[in-house]
Amino acid sequence: MTNPSKADCIAILSAAQHAAEQGTLLDLDHDHLGLTLNGMETATAFLMERDCLTSSVDGHGHLIVSGLSLQGRLRLDQLANG
């Protein structure tokens, strides 16, 4: 697996954190996040393998996450703050 870009990971983690704060699920849409489809899929797989996202569901061909795990919050802080 190729490594995702730092920006792609930050975009997904930030959106998942915001959705969790709102009490909603995040439907990962690469257009809405401003990512390429390949970039989004690579970053999502990378983050899921590292248990950064609390859950994912493949509903009708869309990836859905419910928020960040503790590891995800730590990874977001690490990526955003160097």
Protein backbone atom coordinates (compact mmCIF):
# COMPACT_ATOMS: atom_id res chain seq x y z
CA MET A 1 0.00 0.00 0.00
CA THR A 2 1.24 3.47 -0.79
CA ASN A 3 1.42 6.09 1.90
CA PRO A 4 -1.30 8.74 1.75
CA SER A 5 -0.54 12.42 1.78
CA LYS A 6 -0.52 14.27 5.07
CA ALA A 7 -3.18 16.68 3.74
CA ASP A 8 -5.54 13.82 2.79
CA CYS A 9 -5.24 12.29 6.27
CA ILE A 10 -5.84 15.64 7.95
CA ALA A 11 -8.91 16.29 5.77
CA ILE A 12 -10.49 12.95 6.68
CA LEU A 13 -9.60 13.08 10.37
CA SER A 14 -10.83 16.68 10.70
CA ALA A 15 -14.11 15.91 8.95
CA ALA A 16 -14.64 12.81 11.11
CA GLN A 17 -13.94 14.80 14.26
CA HIS A 18 -16.38 17.52 13.21
CA ALA A 19 -19.08 14.96 12.40
CA ALA A 20 -18.60 13.26 15.77
CA GLU A 21 -18.94 16.61 17.56
CA GLN A 22 -22.22 17.15 15.70
CA GLY A 23 -23.40 13.64 16.61
CA THR A 24 -23.67 12.54 12.99
CA LEU A 25 -22.05 10.02 10.71
CA LEU A 26 -19.64 11.18 8.04
CA ASP A 27 -20.31 9.96 4.51
CA LEU A 28 -16.86 10.13 2.92
CA ASP A 29 -17.32 11.89 -0.40
CA HIS A 30 -14.07 12.78 -2.13
CA ASP A 31 -15.64 15.77 -3.91
CA HIS A 32 -17.01 17.20 -0.67
CA LEU A 33 -13.64 16.74 1.07
CA GLY A 34 -11.73 18.21 -1.87
CA LEU A 35 -9.73 15.02 -2.42
CA THR A 36 -9.18 12.71 -5.35
CA LEU A 37 -11.03 9.40 -5.13
CA ASN A 38 -7.73 7.52 -5.03
CA GLY A 39 -6.32 9.85 -2.38
CA MET A 40 -9.40 9.47 -0.20
CA GLU A 41 -9.45 5.68 -0.50
CA THR A 42 -5.72 5.42 0.24
CA ALA A 43 -5.92 7.71 3.26
CA THR A 44 -9.06 5.99 4.61
CA ALA A 45 -7.48 2.54 4.31
CA PHE A 46 -4.31 3.85 6.00
CA LEU A 47 -6.28 5.38 8.87
CA MET A 48 -8.53 2.34 9.30
CA GLU A 49 -5.53 -0.01 9.46
CA ARG A 50 -4.18 2.14 12.29
CA ASP A 51 -7.52 2.18 14.16
CA CYS A 52 -7.92 5.95 13.82
CA LEU A 53 -11.58 5.77 12.80
CA THR A 54 -14.05 4.26 15.26
CA SER A 55 -16.14 2.49 12.65
CA SER A 56 -16.78 2.24 8.97
CA VAL A 57 -19.74 0.93 7.04
CA ASP A 58 -19.94 0.35 3.33
CA GLY A 59 -23.48 1.44 2.50
CA HIS A 60 -24.44 1.70 -1.17
CA GLY A 61 -20.84 2.07 -2.25
CA HIS A 62 -20.06 4.88 0.20
CA LEU A 63 -17.67 4.85 3.12
CA ILE A 64 -19.21 6.06 6.36
CA VAL A 65 -17.35 6.73 9.62
CA SER A 66 -18.70 7.66 13.01
CA GLY A 67 -15.78 9.56 14.47
CA LEU A 68 -12.26 9.26 15.78
CA SER A 69 -10.76 6.83 18.21
CA LEU A 70 -8.20 8.00 20.74
CA GLN A 71 -5.52 6.96 18.25
CA GLY A 72 -7.24 9.09 15.60
CA ARG A 73 -7.29 12.17 17.82
CA LEU A 74 -3.61 11.67 18.61
CA ARG A 75 -2.75 11.18 14.93
CA LEU A 76 -4.69 14.33 13.95
CA ASP A 77 -2.82 16.35 16.57
CA GLN A 78 0.49 14.87 15.40
CA LEU A 79 -0.19 15.62 11.73
CA ALA A 80 -1.58 19.10 12.32
CA ASN A 81 1.09 20.23 14.73
CA GLY A 82 4.10 18.45 13.27
